[in-house]
Amino acid sequence: MHNLLDPAILFFFLGVFAGAVRSNLEIPQALGKFLSLYLLMAIGLKGGFALAQSGFTQAALYSIGAAMIMAIIIPTLGYNLLKRLVSPLDAAAIAASYGSISAVTFIAAMQFLENQQMAYSGHMVAAMVLMETPAILMAVILANILRKKTALANNKAGENPPSITAILRESLTNGSHILLIGSLLIGYLSGDAGKAMMQVFTVDIFKGLLAFFMLDMGLFVAKNAGKVRGNSVVLFAYATLAPLVHAAIALLLARFIHMNAADALLLMVLSASASYIVVPAVVRYAIPEANASLYFGLPIGITFPFNIVIGIPLYMYAAQNLLA
């Protein structure tokens, strides 16, 4: 219940309400882009500062390894289930979205931990960065194999599908990805001195700008809610239940490597969330045959609000009880 009374979460609900009643409230696109970039930079710096203090310990390597394992397990499970419900190319695109991560959900989970005064490890930000790409690459490789099998050629005769090299470059050079990795590295290199200099930027104004961003996200969810209408009830169920299954697998893995409850929560959130920013941008180019209302609509319309409102407190409860 405490999570629902967090100002950032309440501003999210305000945005959803304003969008639902078709209010003229809106966040200028340029400002929304700035808020997104600010949060990525701030979270990267925070992770880098924390990582500079802790170093690459055995626990850090285990946690990053667990994140990479989840980045392979989730899209594999997702594709093998979804191909029974939708076309194989749609299944690959949706699996990529759910195999990747939502930085915004991760930030909300970090804020939840800070509200609970629970310390988390900076290396979890590194884990987030590394989980961004594997699912995209798996989906693209799979899509290219499917095209060859079905003689599709990007819906245009004689045109070759994008190469793996081109997709890899598109994924790794995505602006959000570069900013996050760069900020993490800068925070790590600057250490305590950098942390002191950036205190106002990464701590003092963070909560207020996060609330502003969550208002924008609420408006965005309300605006795009129509993208999930008309889809199968089974897909709605997948968008709600898959995060629970993925979080449960992550929790078992966290127990196996003896993670603390705070880090386990972040691993669960990374596993339970779905990308609606980076993956759609790449998949739109890599798998143009896929239905965007599925690989974009389900994560932003169902999974994101589910995780923000219900998922994070539920995952925390499970982590505290299983890892106690």
Protein backbone atom coordinates (compact mmCIF):
# COMPACT_ATOMS: atom_id res chain seq x y z
CA MET A 1 0.00 0.00 0.00
CA HIS A 2 2.91 2.32 0.80
CA ASN A 3 4.10 2.07 -2.80
CA LEU A 4 0.74 3.32 -4.09
CA LEU A 5 1.04 6.44 -1.93
CA ASP A 6 4.43 7.34 -3.34
CA PRO A 7 4.07 10.75 -5.07
CA ALA A 8 5.64 9.45 -8.30
CA ILE A 9 3.09 6.61 -8.48
CA LEU A 10 0.23 8.98 -7.69
CA PHE A 11 1.35 11.26 -10.52
CA PHE A 12 1.27 8.22 -12.80
CA PHE A 13 -2.38 7.65 -11.86
CA LEU A 14 -3.07 11.34 -12.40
CA GLY A 15 -1.68 11.05 -15.92
CA VAL A 16 -3.79 7.98 -16.65
CA PHE A 17 -6.91 9.76 -15.36
CA ALA A 18 -6.17 12.91 -17.36
CA GLY A 19 -5.67 10.85 -20.50
CA ALA A 20 -8.78 8.76 -19.90
CA VAL A 21 -11.02 11.82 -19.58
CA ARG A 22 -9.33 13.37 -22.63
CA SER A 23 -7.97 16.35 -20.75
CA ASN A 24 -5.77 18.77 -22.68
CA LEU A 25 -3.00 18.19 -20.13
CA GLU A 26 0.15 17.20 -21.97
CA ILE A 27 3.90 17.15 -21.54
CA PRO A 28 5.72 18.69 -24.53
CA GLN A 29 7.51 15.97 -26.48
CA ALA A 30 10.88 17.68 -26.10
CA LEU A 31 10.44 17.87 -22.32
CA GLY A 32 9.38 14.23 -22.17
CA LYS A 33 12.53 13.28 -24.08
CA PHE A 34 14.65 15.34 -21.68
CA LEU A 35 13.07 13.67 -18.64
CA SER A 36 13.78 10.24 -20.11
CA LEU A 37 17.41 11.14 -20.79
CA TYR A 38 17.79 12.69 -17.34
CA LEU A 39 16.56 9.54 -15.60
CA LEU A 40 18.87 7.31 -17.65
CA MET A 41 21.85 9.54 -16.88
CA ALA A 42 21.01 9.79 -13.17
CA ILE A 43 20.46 6.05 -12.74
CA GLY A 44 23.66 5.26 -14.66
CA LEU A 45 25.66 7.64 -12.46
CA LYS A 46 24.12 6.21 -9.29
CA GLY A 47 25.02 2.70 -10.36
CA GLY A 48 28.53 3.75 -11.31
CA PHE A 49 29.13 5.49 -7.97
CA ALA A 50 27.91 2.43 -6.08
CA LEU A 51 29.95 0.09 -8.25
CA ALA A 52 33.08 2.18 -7.60
CA GLN A 53 32.56 1.62 -3.88
CA SER A 54 31.85 -2.11 -4.03
CA GLY A 55 34.00 -3.13 -6.99
CA PHE A 56 33.49 -6.21 -9.15
CA THR A 57 33.10 -8.71 -6.34
CA GLN A 58 32.07 -12.34 -6.63
CA ALA A 59 28.52 -11.28 -5.74
CA ALA A 60 28.56 -8.75 -8.58
CA LEU A 61 29.71 -11.33 -11.10
CA TYR A 62 27.10 -13.82 -9.91
CA SER A 63 24.33 -11.21 -10.14
CA ILE A 64 25.36 -10.11 -13.64
CA GLY A 65 25.59 -13.77 -14.68
CA ALA A 66 22.09 -14.41 -13.32
CA ALA A 67 20.78 -11.44 -15.30
CA MET A 68 22.32 -12.79 -18.50
CA ILE A 69 20.80 -16.22 -17.86
CA MET A 70 17.37 -14.62 -17.46
CA ALA A 71 17.94 -12.64 -20.68
CA ILE A 72 18.20 -15.97 -22.51
CA ILE A 73 15.54 -17.96 -20.64
CA ILE A 74 12.73 -15.40 -20.95
CA PRO A 75 12.69 -14.88 -24.75
CA THR A 76 13.16 -18.63 -25.28
CA LEU A 77 10.15 -19.48 -23.11
CA GLY A 78 8.15 -16.61 -24.56
CA TYR A 79 8.69 -17.53 -28.18
CA ASN A 80 7.89 -21.22 -27.69
CA LEU A 81 4.60 -20.31 -26.00
CA LEU A 82 3.59 -17.36 -28.16
CA LYS A 83 4.16 -19.09 -31.50
CA ARG A 84 1.08 -21.19 -30.62
CA LEU A 85 -1.00 -18.01 -30.21
CA VAL A 86 0.25 -15.62 -32.90
CA SER A 87 2.34 -15.74 -36.05
CA PRO A 88 6.00 -16.78 -35.56
CA LEU A 89 7.29 -13.30 -36.43
CA ASP A 90 4.87 -11.67 -33.99
CA ALA A 91 5.95 -14.25 -31.39
CA ALA A 92 9.60 -13.33 -31.95
CA ALA A 93 8.90 -9.61 -31.60
CA ILE A 94 6.82 -10.00 -28.41
CA ALA A 95 9.41 -12.38 -26.93
CA ALA A 96 12.08 -9.74 -27.59
CA SER A 97 10.05 -7.12 -25.73
CA TYR A 98 9.54 -9.36 -22.71
CA GLY A 99 13.10 -10.68 -22.82
CA SER A 100 14.46 -7.15 -22.62
CA ILE A 101 13.89 -4.69 -19.78
CA SER A 102 12.03 -1.53 -18.81
CA ALA A 103 14.39 1.05 -17.35
CA VAL A 104 11.44 3.03 -15.97
CA THR A 105 10.13 0.03 -14.02
CA PHE A 106 13.66 -0.59 -12.74
CA ILE A 107 13.90 3.03 -11.57
CA ALA A 108 10.53 2.71 -9.82
CA ALA A 109 11.82 -0.42 -8.04
CA MET A 110 14.97 1.43 -6.94
CA GLN A 111 12.83 4.26 -5.60
CA PHE A 112 10.68 1.71 -3.78
CA LEU A 113 13.80 0.30 -2.10
CA GLU A 114 14.98 3.78 -1.13
CA ASN A 115 11.58 4.51 0.40
CA GLN A 116 11.96 1.28 2.39
CA GLN A 117 15.52 2.32 3.33
CA MET A 118 16.91 -0.86 1.79
CA ALA A 119 20.35 -0.72 0.19
CA TYR A 120 20.90 -2.28 -3.24
CA SER A 121 24.11 -2.95 -5.16
CA GLY A 122 25.37 -0.71 -7.94
CA HIS A 123 26.23 -3.70 -10.07
CA MET A 124 22.51 -4.27 -10.64
CA VAL A 125 22.59 -1.26 -12.98
CA ALA A 126 25.33 -3.02 -14.94
CA ALA A 127 23.09 -6.09 -15.02
CA MET A 128 20.27 -3.95 -16.42
CA VAL A 129 22.52 -2.62 -19.20
CA LEU A 130 23.65 -6.11 -20.18
CA MET A 131 20.09 -7.47 -20.27
CA GLU A 132 19.02 -4.89 -22.85
CA THR A 133 20.36 -6.55 -26.01
CA PRO A 134 20.41 -10.41 -25.92
CA ALA A 135 16.66 -10.83 -26.45
CA ILE A 136 16.72 -8.47 -29.43
CA LEU A 137 19.53 -10.41 -31.08
CA MET A 138 17.78 -13.75 -30.43
CA ALA A 139 14.56 -12.42 -31.96
CA VAL A 140 16.32 -11.04 -35.04
CA ILE A 141 18.25 -14.25 -35.67
CA LEU A 142 15.04 -16.21 -35.29
CA ALA A 143 13.16 -13.85 -37.61
CA ASN A 144 15.81 -14.22 -40.31
CA ILE A 145 15.58 -18.01 -40.03
CA LEU A 146 11.79 -17.84 -40.30
CA ARG A 147 12.01 -15.64 -43.39
CA LYS A 148 14.25 -18.11 -45.12
CA LYS A 149 11.93 -20.97 -44.26
CA THR A 150 8.82 -19.18 -45.51
CA ALA A 151 10.51 -17.37 -48.42
CA LEU A 152 9.59 -13.98 -46.97
CA ALA A 153 11.89 -11.13 -47.84
CA ASN A 154 10.73 -8.21 -45.76
CA ASN A 155 7.46 -8.27 -47.75
CA LYS A 156 9.39 -7.08 -50.84
CA ALA A 157 10.66 -9.41 -53.51
CA GLY A 158 14.39 -9.32 -53.98
CA GLU A 159 15.10 -7.33 -50.82
CA ASN A 160 17.31 -8.98 -48.24
CA PRO A 161 16.43 -8.80 -44.55
CA PRO A 162 18.66 -6.66 -42.29
CA SER A 163 21.96 -8.34 -41.43
CA ILE A 164 22.79 -9.37 -37.87
CA THR A 165 25.67 -6.88 -37.96
CA ALA A 166 23.30 -4.04 -38.83
CA ILE A 167 20.87 -5.02 -36.08
CA LEU A 168 23.67 -5.36 -33.53
CA ARG A 169 24.90 -1.89 -34.43
CA GLU A 170 21.35 -0.50 -34.22
CA SER A 171 20.92 -2.03 -30.76
CA LEU A 172 24.27 -1.05 -29.29
CA THR A 173 24.31 2.48 -30.71
CA ASN A 174 20.78 3.30 -29.56
CA GLY A 175 20.99 6.66 -27.80
CA SER A 176 19.38 5.46 -24.58
CA HIS A 177 21.74 2.49 -24.42
CA ILE A 178 24.84 4.62 -24.99
CA LEU A 179 23.77 7.20 -22.39
CA LEU A 180 23.14 4.52 -19.77
CA ILE A 181 26.43 2.72 -20.38
CA GLY A 182 28.37 5.98 -20.57
CA SER A 183 26.85 7.33 -17.36
CA LEU A 184 27.60 4.07 -15.56
CA LEU A 185 31.23 4.26 -16.71
CA ILE A 186 31.55 7.95 -15.76
CA GLY A 187 30.12 7.27 -12.30
CA TYR A 188 32.51 4.35 -11.85
CA LEU A 189 35.57 6.34 -12.94
CA SER A 190 34.75 9.47 -10.92
CA GLY A 191 33.88 7.56 -7.74
CA ASP A 192 33.22 9.37 -4.48
CA ALA A 193 34.48 12.71 -5.80
CA GLY A 194 32.04 12.56 -8.71
CA LYS A 195 29.24 11.48 -6.38
CA ALA A 196 29.75 14.56 -4.21
CA MET A 197 29.82 16.88 -7.23
CA MET A 198 26.67 15.37 -8.75
CA GLN A 199 24.67 15.15 -5.49
CA VAL A 200 22.17 17.81 -6.54
CA PHE A 201 21.69 16.19 -9.96
CA THR A 202 21.39 12.55 -8.93
CA VAL A 203 19.66 12.89 -5.54
CA ASP A 204 18.16 16.28 -4.70
CA ILE A 205 16.07 16.83 -7.83
CA PHE A 206 15.66 13.15 -8.76
CA LYS A 207 12.35 12.56 -7.01
CA GLY A 208 10.67 15.64 -8.46
CA LEU A 209 11.73 14.92 -12.03
CA LEU A 210 10.76 11.26 -11.61
CA ALA A 211 7.25 12.37 -10.58
CA PHE A 212 7.07 14.61 -13.66
CA PHE A 213 8.16 11.71 -15.85
CA MET A 214 5.62 9.35 -14.29
CA LEU A 215 2.89 11.89 -15.05
CA ASP A 216 4.03 11.79 -18.67
CA MET A 217 4.03 7.98 -18.60
CA GLY A 218 0.48 7.94 -17.26
CA LEU A 219 -0.65 10.17 -20.14
CA PHE A 220 1.27 7.91 -22.53
CA VAL A 221 -0.38 4.73 -21.19
CA ALA A 222 -3.86 6.26 -21.49
CA LYS A 223 -3.12 7.46 -25.03
CA ASN A 224 -1.93 4.02 -26.18
CA ALA A 225 -4.47 1.90 -24.33
CA GLY A 226 -6.39 1.44 -27.56
CA LYS A 227 -3.47 -0.45 -29.10
CA VAL A 228 -4.25 -3.51 -27.00
CA ARG A 229 -7.99 -3.55 -27.67
CA GLY A 230 -9.23 -6.33 -29.88
CA ASN A 231 -6.36 -8.64 -29.00
CA SER A 232 -6.90 -12.14 -27.70
CA VAL A 233 -7.82 -12.57 -24.05
CA VAL A 234 -4.99 -15.11 -23.94
CA LEU A 235 -2.51 -12.39 -24.88
CA PHE A 236 -3.90 -10.16 -22.16
CA ALA A 237 -3.35 -13.05 -19.75
CA TYR A 238 0.20 -13.49 -21.03
CA ALA A 239 0.99 -9.81 -20.44
CA THR A 240 -0.15 -10.19 -16.83
CA LEU A 241 0.97 -13.71 -15.92
CA ALA A 242 4.29 -13.86 -17.77
CA PRO A 243 5.85 -11.21 -15.49
CA LEU A 244 4.87 -13.31 -12.47
CA VAL A 245 6.42 -16.44 -13.95
CA HIS A 246 9.59 -14.62 -14.99
CA ALA A 247 9.90 -13.01 -11.54
CA ALA A 248 9.45 -16.42 -9.88
CA ILE A 249 12.25 -17.93 -11.95
CA ALA A 250 14.48 -14.97 -11.13
CA LEU A 251 13.70 -15.36 -7.43
CA LEU A 252 14.72 -19.03 -7.48
CA LEU A 253 17.93 -18.09 -9.25
CA ALA A 254 18.54 -15.31 -6.69
CA ARG A 255 18.13 -17.82 -3.89
CA PHE A 256 20.57 -20.21 -5.56
CA ILE A 257 23.32 -17.56 -5.70
CA HIS A 258 22.46 -16.14 -2.25
CA MET A 259 21.40 -12.64 -3.30
CA ASN A 260 20.02 -10.28 -0.68
CA ALA A 261 16.35 -9.28 -0.86
CA ALA A 262 16.98 -5.82 -2.36
CA ASP A 263 19.14 -7.10 -5.22
CA ALA A 264 16.75 -10.01 -5.73
CA LEU A 265 13.87 -7.54 -6.13
CA LEU A 266 15.79 -5.69 -8.85
CA LEU A 267 16.59 -8.95 -10.65
CA MET A 268 12.92 -9.92 -10.44
CA VAL A 269 11.82 -6.54 -11.79
CA LEU A 270 14.32 -6.73 -14.66
CA SER A 271 12.98 -10.20 -15.49
CA ALA A 272 9.31 -9.27 -15.09
CA SER A 273 9.40 -6.02 -17.05
CA ALA A 274 9.10 -5.60 -20.80
CA SER A 275 10.70 -3.02 -23.08
CA TYR A 276 8.46 -0.45 -24.76
CA ILE A 277 11.18 2.00 -25.83
CA VAL A 278 14.38 0.36 -27.11
CA VAL A 279 12.96 -2.93 -28.42
CA PRO A 280 10.09 -1.37 -30.43
CA ALA A 281 12.56 1.07 -31.99
CA VAL A 282 14.82 -1.76 -33.11
CA VAL A 283 12.15 -4.38 -33.93
CA ARG A 284 10.26 -1.91 -36.10
CA TYR A 285 13.33 -1.86 -38.35
CA ALA A 286 14.43 -5.48 -37.87
CA ILE A 287 11.04 -7.27 -38.05
CA PRO A 288 8.73 -4.91 -39.97
CA GLU A 289 6.26 -7.74 -40.56
CA ALA A 290 5.44 -7.91 -36.82
CA ASN A 291 2.31 -6.26 -35.42
CA ALA A 292 3.40 -3.22 -33.37
CA SER A 293 0.13 -3.21 -31.41
CA LEU A 294 1.29 -6.50 -29.88
CA TYR A 295 4.99 -5.99 -29.14
CA PHE A 296 4.40 -2.35 -28.09
CA GLY A 297 0.81 -2.33 -26.84
CA LEU A 298 1.03 -5.28 -24.44
CA PRO A 299 4.14 -4.06 -22.55
CA ILE A 300 3.02 -0.43 -22.21
CA GLY A 301 -0.73 -1.02 -21.87
CA ILE A 302 -0.74 -3.97 -19.47
CA THR A 303 2.64 -5.11 -18.14
CA PHE A 304 4.05 -1.70 -17.21
CA PRO A 305 1.09 -0.53 -15.06
CA PHE A 306 0.76 -4.04 -13.58
CA ASN A 307 4.37 -4.03 -12.41
CA ILE A 308 4.20 -0.46 -11.10
CA VAL A 309 1.02 -0.93 -9.10
CA ILE A 310 1.03 -4.62 -8.09
CA GLY A 311 4.23 -6.29 -9.20
CA ILE A 312 6.94 -4.42 -7.28
CA PRO A 313 5.34 -4.76 -3.81
CA LEU A 314 4.45 -8.40 -4.57
CA TYR A 315 7.99 -9.24 -5.70
CA MET A 316 9.41 -7.57 -2.60
CA TYR A 317 7.11 -9.59 -0.35
CA ALA A 318 8.16 -12.82 -2.07
CA ALA A 319 11.88 -11.95 -1.91
CA GLN A 320 11.77 -11.06 1.77
CA ASN A 321 9.95 -14.28 2.67
CA LEU A 322 11.91 -16.71 0.49
CA LEU A 323 15.35 -15.22 1.11
CA ALA A 324 14.92 -14.55 4.82
